[in-house]
Amino acid sequence: EVPELEIPITDTLAAMQGGTVVQERLPFHVR
């Protein structure tokens, strides 16, 4: 369960819940 709190992340997690989530990393170089 996602807690019923009035904060942005709860709505976002609820929207993603149960679907396919793609994980990406912000591209970077090692210099």
Full PDB file with SEQRES, HELIX, SHEET, SSBOND, CRYST1, ORIGX, SCALE, CONECT and MASTER records, all heavy atoms in Angstrom:
SEQRES   1 A   31  GLU VAL PRO GLU LEU GLU ILE PRO ILE THR ASP THR LEU          
SEQRES   2 A   31  ALA ALA MET GLN GLY GLY THR VAL VAL GLN GLU ARG LEU          
SEQRES   3 A   31  PRO PHE HIS VAL ARG                                          
HELIX    1 AA1 PRO A    8  MET A   16  1                                   9    
CRYST1    1.000    1.000    1.000  90.00  90.00  90.00 P 1           1          
ORIGX1      1.000000  0.000000  0.000000        0.00000                         
ORIGX2      0.000000  1.000000  0.000000        0.00000                         
ORIGX3      0.000000  0.000000  1.000000        0.00000                         
SCALE1      1.000000  0.000000  0.000000        0.00000                         
SCALE2      0.000000  1.000000  0.000000        0.00000                         
SCALE3      0.000000  0.000000  1.000000        0.00000                         
ATOM      1  N   GLU A   1       0.817  -1.202   0.000  1.00  0.00           N  
ATOM      2  CA  GLU A   1       0.000   0.000   0.000  1.00  0.00           C  
ATOM      3  C   GLU A   1       0.859   1.264   0.000  1.00  0.00           C  
ATOM      4  O   GLU A   1       1.962   1.287   0.555  1.00  0.00           O  
ATOM      5  CB  GLU A   1      -0.919   0.029   1.230  1.00  0.00           C  
ATOM      6  CG  GLU A   1      -1.943  -1.101   1.256  1.00  0.00           C  
ATOM      7  CD  GLU A   1      -2.848  -1.011   2.468  1.00  0.00           C  
ATOM      8  OE1 GLU A   1      -2.627  -0.103   3.293  1.00  0.00           O  
ATOM      9  OE2 GLU A   1      -3.760  -1.838   2.587  1.00  0.00           O  
ATOM     10  N   VAL A   2       0.331   2.302  -0.630  1.00  0.00           N  
ATOM     11  CA  VAL A   2       0.931   3.636  -0.576  1.00  0.00           C  
ATOM     12  C   VAL A   2       0.170   4.433   0.476  1.00  0.00           C  
ATOM     13  O   VAL A   2      -1.062   4.492   0.439  1.00  0.00           O  
ATOM     14  CB  VAL A   2       0.839   4.347  -1.945  1.00  0.00           C  
ATOM     15  CG1 VAL A   2       1.416   5.750  -1.846  1.00  0.00           C  
ATOM     16  CG2 VAL A   2       1.544   3.545  -3.017  1.00  0.00           C  
ATOM     17  N   PRO A   3       0.864   5.022   1.445  1.00  0.00           N  
ATOM     18  CA  PRO A   3       0.146   5.790   2.482  1.00  0.00           C  
ATOM     19  C   PRO A   3      -0.690   6.905   1.863  1.00  0.00           C  
ATOM     20  O   PRO A   3      -0.294   7.528   0.874  1.00  0.00           O  
ATOM     21  CB  PRO A   3       1.283   6.375   3.337  1.00  0.00           C  
ATOM     22  CG  PRO A   3       2.464   5.524   3.056  1.00  0.00           C  
ATOM     23  CD  PRO A   3       2.320   5.058   1.637  1.00  0.00           C  
ATOM     24  N   GLU A   4      -1.844   7.169   2.467  1.00  0.00           N  
ATOM     25  CA  GLU A   4      -2.728   8.223   1.971  1.00  0.00           C  
ATOM     26  C   GLU A   4      -2.321   9.558   2.587  1.00  0.00           C  
ATOM     27  O   GLU A   4      -2.911  10.035   3.551  1.00  0.00           O  
ATOM     28  CB  GLU A   4      -4.187   7.888   2.288  1.00  0.00           C  
ATOM     29  CG  GLU A   4      -4.711   6.680   1.522  1.00  0.00           C  
ATOM     30  CD  GLU A   4      -6.197   6.483   1.715  1.00  0.00           C  
ATOM     31  OE1 GLU A   4      -6.802   7.267   2.481  1.00  0.00           O  
ATOM     32  OE2 GLU A   4      -6.751   5.564   1.097  1.00  0.00           O  
ATOM     33  N   LEU A   5      -1.277  10.137   2.011  1.00  0.00           N  
ATOM     34  CA  LEU A   5      -0.766  11.418   2.473  1.00  0.00           C  
ATOM     35  C   LEU A   5      -0.824  12.419   1.329  1.00  0.00           C  
ATOM     36  O   LEU A   5      -0.643  12.049   0.159  1.00  0.00           O  
ATOM     37  CB  LEU A   5       0.680  11.272   2.965  1.00  0.00           C  
ATOM     38  CG  LEU A   5       0.902  10.289   4.113  1.00  0.00           C  
ATOM     39  CD1 LEU A   5       2.393  10.084   4.344  1.00  0.00           C  
ATOM     40  CD2 LEU A   5       0.237  10.785   5.381  1.00  0.00           C  
ATOM     41  N   GLU A   6      -1.062  13.673   1.646  1.00  0.00           N  
ATOM     42  CA  GLU A   6      -1.168  14.711   0.624  1.00  0.00           C  
ATOM     43  C   GLU A   6       0.211  15.251   0.271  1.00  0.00           C  
ATOM     44  O   GLU A   6       0.544  16.400   0.537  1.00  0.00           O  
ATOM     45  CB  GLU A   6      -2.091  15.832   1.104  1.00  0.00           C  
ATOM     46  CG  GLU A   6      -3.540  15.398   1.267  1.00  0.00           C  
ATOM     47  CD  GLU A   6      -4.446  16.518   1.729  1.00  0.00           C  
ATOM     48  OE1 GLU A   6      -3.902  17.562   2.160  1.00  0.00           O  
ATOM     49  OE2 GLU A   6      -5.661  16.362   1.650  1.00  0.00           O  
ATOM     50  N   ILE A   7       1.027  14.407  -0.353  1.00  0.00           N  
ATOM     51  CA  ILE A   7       2.372  14.772  -0.778  1.00  0.00           C  
ATOM     52  C   ILE A   7       2.585  14.220  -2.178  1.00  0.00           C  
ATOM     53  O   ILE A   7       1.997  13.195  -2.544  1.00  0.00           O  
ATOM     54  CB  ILE A   7       3.450  14.247   0.200  1.00  0.00           C  
ATOM     55  CG1 ILE A   7       3.216  12.765   0.494  1.00  0.00           C  
ATOM     56  CG2 ILE A   7       3.444  15.062   1.479  1.00  0.00           C  
ATOM     57  CD1 ILE A   7       4.228  12.164   1.443  1.00  0.00           C  
ATOM     58  N   PRO A   8       3.414  14.879  -3.001  1.00  0.00           N  
ATOM     59  CA  PRO A   8       3.518  14.489  -4.413  1.00  0.00           C  
ATOM     60  C   PRO A   8       3.933  13.043  -4.650  1.00  0.00           C  
ATOM     61  O   PRO A   8       3.426  12.389  -5.562  1.00  0.00           O  
ATOM     62  CB  PRO A   8       4.567  15.473  -4.972  1.00  0.00           C  
ATOM     63  CG  PRO A   8       4.523  16.646  -4.057  1.00  0.00           C  
ATOM     64  CD  PRO A   8       4.202  16.096  -2.708  1.00  0.00           C  
ATOM     65  N   ILE A   9       4.853  12.512  -3.844  1.00  0.00           N  
ATOM     66  CA  ILE A   9       5.388  11.195  -4.151  1.00  0.00           C  
ATOM     67  C   ILE A   9       4.343  10.094  -4.008  1.00  0.00           C  
ATOM     68  O   ILE A   9       4.403   9.068  -4.705  1.00  0.00           O  
ATOM     69  CB  ILE A   9       6.626  10.879  -3.290  1.00  0.00           C  
ATOM     70  CG1 ILE A   9       7.306   9.596  -3.796  1.00  0.00           C  
ATOM     71  CG2 ILE A   9       6.269  10.800  -1.833  1.00  0.00           C  
ATOM     72  CD1 ILE A   9       8.609   9.284  -3.114  1.00  0.00           C  
ATOM     73  N   THR A  10       3.358  10.265  -3.100  1.00  0.00           N  
ATOM     74  CA  THR A  10       2.355   9.216  -2.950  1.00  0.00           C  
ATOM     75  C   THR A  10       1.507   9.089  -4.217  1.00  0.00           C  
ATOM     76  O   THR A  10       1.190   7.977  -4.654  1.00  0.00           O  
ATOM     77  CB  THR A  10       1.456   9.488  -1.736  1.00  0.00           C  
ATOM     78  OG1 THR A  10       0.874  10.791  -1.853  1.00  0.00           O  
ATOM     79  CG2 THR A  10       2.247   9.420  -0.450  1.00  0.00           C  
ATOM     80  N   ASP A  11       1.137  10.218  -4.816  1.00  0.00           N  
ATOM     81  CA  ASP A  11       0.381  10.166  -6.072  1.00  0.00           C  
ATOM     82  C   ASP A  11       1.216   9.549  -7.186  1.00  0.00           C  
ATOM     83  O   ASP A  11       0.717   8.781  -8.011  1.00  0.00           O  
ATOM     84  CB  ASP A  11      -0.077  11.568  -6.475  1.00  0.00           C  
ATOM     85  CG  ASP A  11      -1.128  12.127  -5.532  1.00  0.00           C  
ATOM     86  OD1 ASP A  11      -1.836  11.333  -4.891  1.00  0.00           O  
ATOM     87  OD2 ASP A  11      -1.227  13.366  -5.427  1.00  0.00           O  
ATOM     88  N   THR A  12       2.506   9.889  -7.231  1.00  0.00           N  
ATOM     89  CA  THR A  12       3.378   9.366  -8.272  1.00  0.00           C  
ATOM     90  C   THR A  12       3.568   7.859  -8.123  1.00  0.00           C  
ATOM     91  O   THR A  12       3.482   7.103  -9.101  1.00  0.00           O  
ATOM     92  CB  THR A  12       4.743  10.072  -8.240  1.00  0.00           C  
ATOM     93  OG1 THR A  12       4.539  11.480  -8.428  1.00  0.00           O  
ATOM     94  CG2 THR A  12       5.654   9.552  -9.336  1.00  0.00           C  
ATOM     95  N   LEU A  13       3.834   7.400  -6.910  1.00  0.00           N  
ATOM     96  CA  LEU A  13       3.998   5.961  -6.685  1.00  0.00           C  
ATOM     97  C   LEU A  13       2.708   5.208  -6.996  1.00  0.00           C  
ATOM     98  O   LEU A  13       2.740   4.114  -7.566  1.00  0.00           O  
ATOM     99  CB  LEU A  13       4.430   5.701  -5.251  1.00  0.00           C  
ATOM    100  CG  LEU A  13       5.854   6.107  -4.886  1.00  0.00           C  
ATOM    101  CD1 LEU A  13       6.097   5.899  -3.391  1.00  0.00           C  
ATOM    102  CD2 LEU A  13       6.875   5.333  -5.706  1.00  0.00           C  
ATOM    103  N   ALA A  14       1.567   5.790  -6.627  1.00  0.00           N  
ATOM    104  CA  ALA A  14       0.293   5.141  -6.930  1.00  0.00           C  
ATOM    105  C   ALA A  14       0.074   5.029  -8.430  1.00  0.00           C  
ATOM    106  O   ALA A  14      -0.459   4.031  -8.926  1.00  0.00           O  
ATOM    107  CB  ALA A  14      -0.849   5.915  -6.276  1.00  0.00           C  
ATOM    108  N   ALA A  15       0.499   6.068  -9.187  1.00  0.00           N  
ATOM    109  CA  ALA A  15       0.351   6.035 -10.639  1.00  0.00           C  
ATOM    110  C   ALA A  15       1.251   4.980 -11.275  1.00  0.00           C  
ATOM    111  O   ALA A  15       0.905   4.381 -12.297  1.00  0.00           O  
ATOM    112  CB  ALA A  15       0.658   7.407 -11.223  1.00  0.00           C  
ATOM    113  N   MET A  16       2.417   4.738 -10.685  1.00  0.00           N  
ATOM    114  CA  MET A  16       3.350   3.754 -11.227  1.00  0.00           C  
ATOM    115  C   MET A  16       3.045   2.336 -10.754  1.00  0.00           C  
ATOM    116  O   MET A  16       3.497   1.365 -11.365  1.00  0.00           O  
ATOM    117  CB  MET A  16       4.780   4.116 -10.815  1.00  0.00           C  
ATOM    118  CG  MET A  16       5.342   5.359 -11.478  1.00  0.00           C  
ATOM    119  SD  MET A  16       7.048   5.638 -10.947  1.00  0.00           S  
ATOM    120  CE  MET A  16       7.587   6.847 -12.180  1.00  0.00           C  
ATOM    121  N   GLN A  17       2.311   2.207  -9.665  1.00  0.00           N  
ATOM    122  CA  GLN A  17       2.108   0.926  -8.999  1.00  0.00           C  
ATOM    123  C   GLN A  17       1.518  -0.121  -9.940  1.00  0.00           C  
ATOM    124  O   GLN A  17       0.501   0.085 -10.587  1.00  0.00           O  
ATOM    125  CB  GLN A  17       1.176   1.109  -7.794  1.00  0.00           C  
ATOM    126  CG  GLN A  17       0.985  -0.117  -6.950  1.00  0.00           C  
ATOM    127  CD  GLN A  17       0.161   0.183  -5.693  1.00  0.00           C  
ATOM    128  OE1 GLN A  17      -0.388   1.271  -5.554  1.00  0.00           O  
ATOM    129  NE2 GLN A  17       0.079  -0.768  -4.784  1.00  0.00           N  
ATOM    130  N   GLY A  18       2.186  -1.258 -10.034  1.00  0.00           N  
ATOM    131  CA  GLY A  18       1.672  -2.378 -10.817  1.00  0.00           C  
ATOM    132  C   GLY A  18       2.024  -2.350 -12.281  1.00  0.00           C  
ATOM    133  O   GLY A  18       1.759  -3.318 -12.995  1.00  0.00           O  
ATOM    134  N   GLY A  19       2.635  -1.282 -12.769  1.00  0.00           N  
ATOM    135  CA  GLY A  19       3.004  -1.200 -14.180  1.00  0.00           C  
ATOM    136  C   GLY A  19       4.490  -1.440 -14.392  1.00  0.00           C  
ATOM    137  O   GLY A  19       5.248  -1.685 -13.457  1.00  0.00           O  
ATOM    138  N   THR A  20       4.897  -1.375 -15.646  1.00  0.00           N  
ATOM    139  CA  THR A  20       6.310  -1.540 -15.996  1.00  0.00           C  
ATOM    140  C   THR A  20       7.037  -0.221 -15.782  1.00  0.00           C  
ATOM    141  O   THR A  20       6.675   0.799 -16.364  1.00  0.00           O  
ATOM    142  CB  THR A  20       6.473  -1.980 -17.453  1.00  0.00           C  
ATOM    143  OG1 THR A  20       5.824  -3.242 -17.638  1.00  0.00           O  
ATOM    144  CG2 THR A  20       7.945  -2.123 -17.817  1.00  0.00           C  
ATOM    145  N   VAL A  21       8.065  -0.247 -14.947  1.00  0.00           N  
ATOM    146  CA  VAL A  21       8.860   0.947 -14.668  1.00  0.00           C  
ATOM    147  C   VAL A  21      10.268   0.733 -15.208  1.00  0.00           C  
ATOM    148  O   VAL A  21      10.926  -0.249 -14.881  1.00  0.00           O  
ATOM    149  CB  VAL A  21       8.918   1.259 -13.161  1.00  0.00           C  
ATOM    150  CG1 VAL A  21       9.820   2.462 -12.894  1.00  0.00           C  
ATOM    151  CG2 VAL A  21       7.515   1.523 -12.618  1.00  0.00           C  
ATOM    152  N   VAL A  22      10.712   1.643 -16.045  1.00  0.00           N  
ATOM    153  CA  VAL A  22      12.050   1.586 -16.633  1.00  0.00           C  
ATOM    154  C   VAL A  22      12.984   2.435 -15.782  1.00  0.00           C  
ATOM    155  O   VAL A  22      12.685   3.602 -15.502  1.00  0.00           O  
ATOM    156  CB  VAL A  22      12.041   2.088 -18.085  1.00  0.00           C  
ATOM    157  CG1 VAL A  22      13.450   2.078 -18.665  1.00  0.00           C  
ATOM    158  CG2 VAL A  22      11.102   1.235 -18.936  1.00  0.00           C  
ATOM    159  N   GLN A  23      14.092   1.861 -15.371  1.00  0.00           N  
ATOM    160  CA  GLN A  23      15.087   2.590 -14.579  1.00  0.00           C  
ATOM    161  C   GLN A  23      16.188   3.104 -15.501  1.00  0.00           C  
ATOM    162  O   GLN A  23      16.746   2.355 -16.297  1.00  0.00           O  
ATOM    163  CB  GLN A  23      15.698   1.665 -13.526  1.00  0.00           C  
ATOM    164  CG  GLN A  23      14.715   1.244 -12.454  1.00  0.00           C  
ATOM    165  CD  GLN A  23      14.880   2.043 -11.177  1.00  0.00           C  
ATOM    166  OE1 GLN A  23      15.387   3.163 -11.184  1.00  0.00           O  
ATOM    167  NE2 GLN A  23      14.459   1.476 -10.074  1.00  0.00           N  
ATOM    168  N   GLU A  24      16.474   4.382 -15.391  1.00  0.00           N  
ATOM    169  CA  GLU A  24      17.538   5.013 -16.170  1.00  0.00           C  
ATOM    170  C   GLU A  24      18.490   5.725 -15.213  1.00  0.00           C  
ATOM    171  O   GLU A  24      18.091   6.152 -14.126  1.00  0.00           O  
ATOM    172  CB  GLU A  24      16.965   6.038 -17.162  1.00  0.00           C  
ATOM    173  CG  GLU A  24      15.996   5.467 -18.186  1.00  0.00           C  
ATOM    174  CD  GLU A  24      16.699   4.831 -19.368  1.00  0.00           C  
ATOM    175  OE1 GLU A  24      17.958   4.803 -19.369  1.00  0.00           O  
ATOM    176  OE2 GLU A  24      15.999   4.382 -20.292  1.00  0.00           O  
ATOM    177  N   ARG A  25      19.732   5.876 -15.630  1.00  0.00           N  
ATOM    178  CA  ARG A  25      20.695   6.667 -14.874  1.00  0.00           C  
ATOM    179  C   ARG A  25      21.057   7.895 -15.705  1.00  0.00           C  
ATOM    180  O   ARG A  25      21.244   7.789 -16.923  1.00  0.00           O  
ATOM    181  CB  ARG A  25      21.947   5.842 -14.566  1.00  0.00           C  
ATOM    182  CG  ARG A  25      21.637   4.538 -13.849  1.00  0.00           C  
ATOM    183  CD  ARG A  25      22.884   3.781 -13.481  1.00  0.00           C  
ATOM    184  NE  ARG A  25      22.562   2.421 -13.042  1.00  0.00           N  
ATOM    185  CZ  ARG A  25      23.375   1.653 -12.345  1.00  0.00           C  
ATOM    186  NH1 ARG A  25      24.580   2.085 -12.012  1.00  0.00           N  
ATOM    187  NH2 ARG A  25      23.009   0.439 -11.978  1.00  0.00           N  
ATOM    188  N   LEU A  26      21.147   9.028 -15.037  1.00  0.00           N  
ATOM    189  CA  LEU A  26      21.510  10.247 -15.759  1.00  0.00           C  
ATOM    190  C   LEU A  26      22.877  10.035 -16.407  1.00  0.00           C  
ATOM    191  O   LEU A  26      23.854   9.716 -15.716  1.00  0.00           O  
ATOM    192  CB  LEU A  26      21.562  11.431 -14.801  1.00  0.00           C  
ATOM    193  CG  LEU A  26      21.618  12.810 -15.472  1.00  0.00           C  
ATOM    194  CD1 LEU A  26      20.296  13.120 -16.149  1.00  0.00           C  
ATOM    195  CD2 LEU A  26      21.938  13.890 -14.436  1.00  0.00           C  
ATOM    196  N   PRO A  27      22.983  10.164 -17.739  1.00  0.00           N  
ATOM    197  CA  PRO A  27      24.248   9.850 -18.418  1.00  0.00           C  
ATOM    198  C   PRO A  27      25.388  10.764 -17.966  1.00  0.00           C  
ATOM    199  O   PRO A  27      25.205  11.964 -17.767  1.00  0.00           O  
ATOM    200  CB  PRO A  27      23.920  10.088 -19.907  1.00  0.00           C  
ATOM    201  CG  PRO A  27      22.422  10.013 -19.991  1.00  0.00           C  
ATOM    202  CD  PRO A  27      21.932  10.559 -18.685  1.00  0.00           C  
ATOM    203  N   PHE A  28      26.576  10.162 -17.810  1.00  0.00           N  
ATOM    204  CA  PHE A  28      27.736  10.946 -17.387  1.00  0.00           C  
ATOM    205  C   PHE A  28      29.014  10.334 -17.958  1.00  0.00           C  
ATOM    206  O   PHE A  28      29.046   9.190 -18.401  1.00  0.00           O  
ATOM    207  CB  PHE A  28      27.828  11.016 -15.853  1.00  0.00           C  
ATOM    208  CG  PHE A  28      28.015   9.684 -15.184  1.00  0.00           C  
ATOM    209  CD1 PHE A  28      29.276   9.170 -14.944  1.00  0.00           C  
ATOM    210  CD2 PHE A  28      26.908   8.951 -14.781  1.00  0.00           C  
ATOM    211  CE1 PHE A  28      29.447   7.941 -14.327  1.00  0.00           C  
ATOM    212  CE2 PHE A  28      27.064   7.713 -14.159  1.00  0.00           C  
ATOM    213  CZ  PHE A  28      28.336   7.208 -13.933  1.00  0.00           C  
ATOM    214  N   HIS A  29      30.077  11.150 -17.949  1.00  0.00           N  
ATOM    215  CA  HIS A  29      31.416  10.702 -18.327  1.00  0.00           C  
ATOM    216  C   HIS A  29      32.277  10.648 -17.071  1.00  0.00           C  
ATOM    217  O   HIS A  29      32.054  11.397 -16.124  1.00  0.00           O  
ATOM    218  CB  HIS A  29      32.096  11.689 -19.301  1.00  0.00           C  
ATOM    219  CG  HIS A  29      31.324  11.935 -20.557  1.00  0.00           C  
ATOM    220  ND1 HIS A  29      31.071  10.958 -21.479  1.00  0.00           N  
ATOM    221  CD2 HIS A  29      30.759  13.077 -21.056  1.00  0.00           C  
ATOM    222  CE1 HIS A  29      30.393  11.473 -22.498  1.00  0.00           C  
ATOM    223  NE2 HIS A  29      30.188  12.758 -22.256  1.00  0.00           N  
ATOM    224  N   VAL A  30      33.270   9.792 -17.090  1.00  0.00           N  
ATOM    225  CA  VAL A  30      34.304   9.813 -16.059  1.00  0.00           C  
ATOM    226  C   VAL A  30      35.492  10.561 -16.637  1.00  0.00           C  
ATOM    227  O   VAL A  30      36.063  10.150 -17.658  1.00  0.00           O  
ATOM    228  CB  VAL A  30      34.715   8.396 -15.638  1.00  0.00           C  
ATOM    229  CG1 VAL A  30      35.834   8.456 -14.602  1.00  0.00           C  
ATOM    230  CG2 VAL A  30      33.517   7.634 -15.082  1.00  0.00           C  
ATOM    231  N   ARG A  31      35.842  11.692 -16.013  1.00  0.00           N  
ATOM    232  CA  ARG A  31      36.896  12.548 -16.575  1.00  0.00           C  
ATOM    233  C   ARG A  31      38.014  12.709 -15.537  1.00  0.00           C  
ATOM    234  O   ARG A  31      37.768  13.036 -14.373  1.00  0.00           O  
ATOM    235  CB  ARG A  31      36.331  13.912 -16.941  1.00  0.00           C  
ATOM    236  CG  ARG A  31      37.332  14.849 -17.604  1.00  0.00           C  
ATOM    237  CD  ARG A  31      36.663  16.154 -18.005  1.00  0.00           C  
ATOM    238  NE  ARG A  31      35.573  15.925 -18.943  1.00  0.00           N  
ATOM    239  CZ  ARG A  31      34.756  16.896 -19.366  1.00  0.00           C  
ATOM    240  NH1 ARG A  31      34.905  18.127 -18.907  1.00  0.00           N  
ATOM    241  NH2 ARG A  31      33.792  16.620 -20.222  1.00  0.00           N  
TER     242      ARG A  31                                                      
MASTER        0    0    0    1    0    0    0    6  241    1    0    3          
END                                                                             
